[in-house]
C-alpha atoms as a PDB file:
ATOM      1  CA  UNK A   1     124.609  99.083 104.160  1.00  0.00           C
ATOM      2  CA  UNK A   2     125.321  96.984 101.072  1.00  0.00           C
ATOM      3  CA  UNK A   3     124.431  93.310 101.187  1.00  0.00           C
ATOM      4  CA  UNK A   4     125.414  92.441  97.622  1.00  0.00           C
ATOM      5  CA  UNK A   5     128.361  94.412  96.345  1.00  0.00           C
ATOM      6  CA  UNK A   6     128.220  92.660  92.957  1.00  0.00           C
ATOM      7  CA  UNK A   7     124.882  94.305  92.151  1.00  0.00           C
ATOM      8  CA  UNK A   8     124.848  97.131  94.707  1.00  0.00           C
ATOM      9  CA  UNK A   9     121.862  95.779  96.655  1.00  0.00           C
ATOM     10  CA  UNK A  10     121.307  97.240 100.122  1.00  0.00           C
ATOM     11  CA  UNK A  11     119.752  95.800 103.262  1.00  0.00           C
ATOM     12  CA  UNK A  12     116.815  98.142 102.747  1.00  0.00           C
ATOM     13  CA  UNK A  13     116.211  96.741  99.267  1.00  0.00           C
ATOM     14  CA  UNK A  14     116.345  93.150 100.517  1.00  0.00           C
ATOM     15  CA  UNK A  15     113.910  94.028 103.325  1.00  0.00           C
ATOM     16  CA  UNK A  16     111.607  95.748 100.813  1.00  0.00           C
ATOM     17  CA  UNK A  17     111.514  92.590  98.673  1.00  0.00           C
ATOM     18  CA  UNK A  18     110.956  90.479 101.800  1.00  0.00           C
ATOM     19  CA  UNK A  19     108.036  92.717 102.795  1.00  0.00           C
ATOM     20  CA  UNK A  20     106.655  92.236  99.293  1.00  0.00           C
ATOM     21  CA  UNK A  21     106.650  88.465  99.834  1.00  0.00           C
ATOM     22  CA  UNK A  22     110.116  87.141  98.964  1.00  0.00           C
ATOM     23  CA  UNK A  23     110.704  84.485 101.631  1.00  0.00           C
ATOM     24  CA  UNK A  24     113.895  82.813 100.451  1.00  0.00           C
ATOM     25  CA  UNK A  25     117.282  83.896  99.099  1.00  0.00           C
ATOM     26  CA  UNK A  26     116.229  82.455  95.743  1.00  0.00           C
ATOM     27  CA  UNK A  27     113.146  84.679  95.676  1.00  0.00           C
ATOM     28  CA  UNK A  28     115.296  87.673  96.623  1.00  0.00           C
ATOM     29  CA  UNK A  29     117.640  86.759  93.764  1.00  0.00           C
ATOM     30  CA  UNK A  30     114.708  86.649  91.364  1.00  0.00           C
ATOM     31  CA  UNK A  31     113.587  90.067  92.531  1.00  0.00           C
ATOM     32  CA  UNK A  32     116.926  91.914  92.407  1.00  0.00           C
ATOM     33  CA  UNK A  33     119.773  89.527  91.384  1.00  0.00           C
ATOM     34  CA  UNK A  34     121.384  89.648  94.847  1.00  0.00           C
ATOM     35  CA  UNK A  35     123.257  86.410  95.460  1.00  0.00           C
ATOM     36  CA  UNK A  36     123.437  85.340  91.814  1.00  0.00           C
ATOM     37  CA  UNK A  37     127.031  86.352  91.027  1.00  0.00           C
ATOM     38  CA  UNK A  38     129.704  85.405  93.581  1.00  0.00           C
ATOM     39  CA  UNK A  39     127.229  84.116  96.195  1.00  0.00           C
ATOM     40  CA  UNK A  40     129.052  85.777  99.059  1.00  0.00           C
ATOM     41  CA  UNK A  41     125.939  87.603 100.236  1.00  0.00           C
ATOM     42  CA  UNK A  42     123.569  84.631 100.415  1.00  0.00           C
ATOM     43  CA  UNK A  43     124.187  84.008 104.127  1.00  0.00           C
ATOM     44  CA  UNK A  44     123.605  87.680 104.901  1.00  0.00           C
ATOM     45  CA  UNK A  45     120.361  87.560 102.905  1.00  0.00           C
ATOM     46  CA  UNK A  46     119.326  84.478 104.882  1.00  0.00           C
ATOM     47  CA  UNK A  47     120.068  86.337 108.108  1.00  0.00           C
ATOM     48  CA  UNK A  48     118.008  89.331 106.980  1.00  0.00           C
ATOM     49  CA  UNK A  49     115.083  87.087 106.077  1.00  0.00           C
ATOM     50  CA  UNK A  50     115.300  85.382 109.452  1.00  0.00           C
ATOM     51  CA  UNK A  51     113.287  82.391 110.417  1.00  0.00           C
ATOM     52  CA  UNK A  52     109.968  84.173 110.912  1.00  0.00           C
ATOM     53  CA  UNK A  53     106.754  83.411 109.129  1.00  0.00           C
ATOM     54  CA  UNK A  54     106.628  84.223 105.487  1.00  0.00           C
ATOM     55  CA  UNK A  55     104.024  86.934 104.896  1.00  0.00           C
ATOM     56  CA  UNK A  56     102.628  84.970 101.977  1.00  0.00           C
ATOM     57  CA  UNK A  57     102.628  81.573 103.682  1.00  0.00           C
ATOM     58  CA  UNK A  58      98.817  81.600 103.797  1.00  0.00           C
ATOM     59  CA  UNK A  59      98.694  82.146 100.040  1.00  0.00           C
ATOM     60  CA  UNK A  60     101.105  79.284  99.470  1.00  0.00           C
ATOM     61  CA  UNK A  61      98.975  77.015 101.639  1.00  0.00           C
ATOM     62  CA  UNK A  62      95.872  78.002  99.669  1.00  0.00           C
ATOM     63  CA  UNK A  63      97.619  77.251  96.391  1.00  0.00           C
ATOM     64  CA  UNK A  64      98.471  73.728  97.526  1.00  0.00           C
ATOM     65  CA  UNK A  65      94.832  72.683  97.606  1.00  0.00           C
ATOM     66  CA  UNK A  66      94.210  73.510  93.941  1.00  0.00           C
ATOM     67  CA  UNK A  67      97.512  71.797  93.125  1.00  0.00           C
ATOM     68  CA  UNK A  68      96.125  68.588  94.640  1.00  0.00           C
ATOM     69  CA  UNK A  69      93.003  69.023  92.503  1.00  0.00           C
ATOM     70  CA  UNK A  70      95.241  69.587  89.505  1.00  0.00           C
ATOM     71  CA  UNK A  71      97.027  66.299  90.199  1.00  0.00           C
ATOM     72  CA  UNK A  72      93.675  64.531  90.302  1.00  0.00           C
ATOM     73  CA  UNK A  73      92.780  66.095  86.948  1.00  0.00           C
ATOM     74  CA  UNK A  74      96.142  65.053  85.540  1.00  0.00           C
ATOM     75  CA  UNK A  75      95.503  61.505  86.717  1.00  0.00           C
ATOM     76  CA  UNK A  76      92.088  61.501  85.055  1.00  0.00           C
ATOM     77  CA  UNK A  77      93.606  62.893  81.865  1.00  0.00           C
ATOM     78  CA  UNK A  78      96.287  60.198  81.890  1.00  0.00           C
ATOM     79  CA  UNK A  79      93.612  57.527  82.302  1.00  0.00           C
ATOM     80  CA  UNK A  80      91.707  59.007  79.354  1.00  0.00           C
ATOM     81  CA  UNK A  81      94.849  58.969  77.210  1.00  0.00           C
ATOM     82  CA  UNK A  82      95.422  55.328  78.140  1.00  0.00           C
ATOM     83  CA  UNK A  83      91.836  54.491  77.180  1.00  0.00           C
ATOM     84  CA  UNK A  84      92.151  56.260  73.832  1.00  0.00           C
ATOM     85  CA  UNK A  85      95.427  54.444  73.140  1.00  0.00           C
ATOM     86  CA  UNK A  86      93.825  51.101  73.993  1.00  0.00           C
ATOM     87  CA  UNK A  87      90.885  51.843  71.660  1.00  0.00           C
ATOM     88  CA  UNK A  88      93.248  52.807  68.845  1.00  0.00           C
ATOM     89  CA  UNK A  89      95.293  49.642  69.369  1.00  0.00           C
ATOM     90  CA  UNK A  90      92.165  47.469  69.291  1.00  0.00           C
ATOM     91  CA  UNK A  91      90.932  49.254  66.127  1.00  0.00           C
ATOM     92  CA  UNK A  92      94.297  48.669  64.461  1.00  0.00           C
ATOM     93  CA  UNK A  93      94.193  44.937  65.199  1.00  0.00           C
END
């Protein structure tokens, strides 16, 4: 049965993308364009995705830890930039 008549996307295709890790209508849209034209199928896509666990939730959780490390590195980099700017300002004076 068609879910998205604008792009001819079937329930089976949406389920295939969900099995491959697409957990949200936006991720489904990125995979196959369903829901990006008239938007009439977005609720049906949401219903097909259900409220179950995302198969890649563990991967997302693992990625959050390095993101926190990345923020720490960004903070250190910002502090270094501030220090360099202060040195340049004092050299200019």
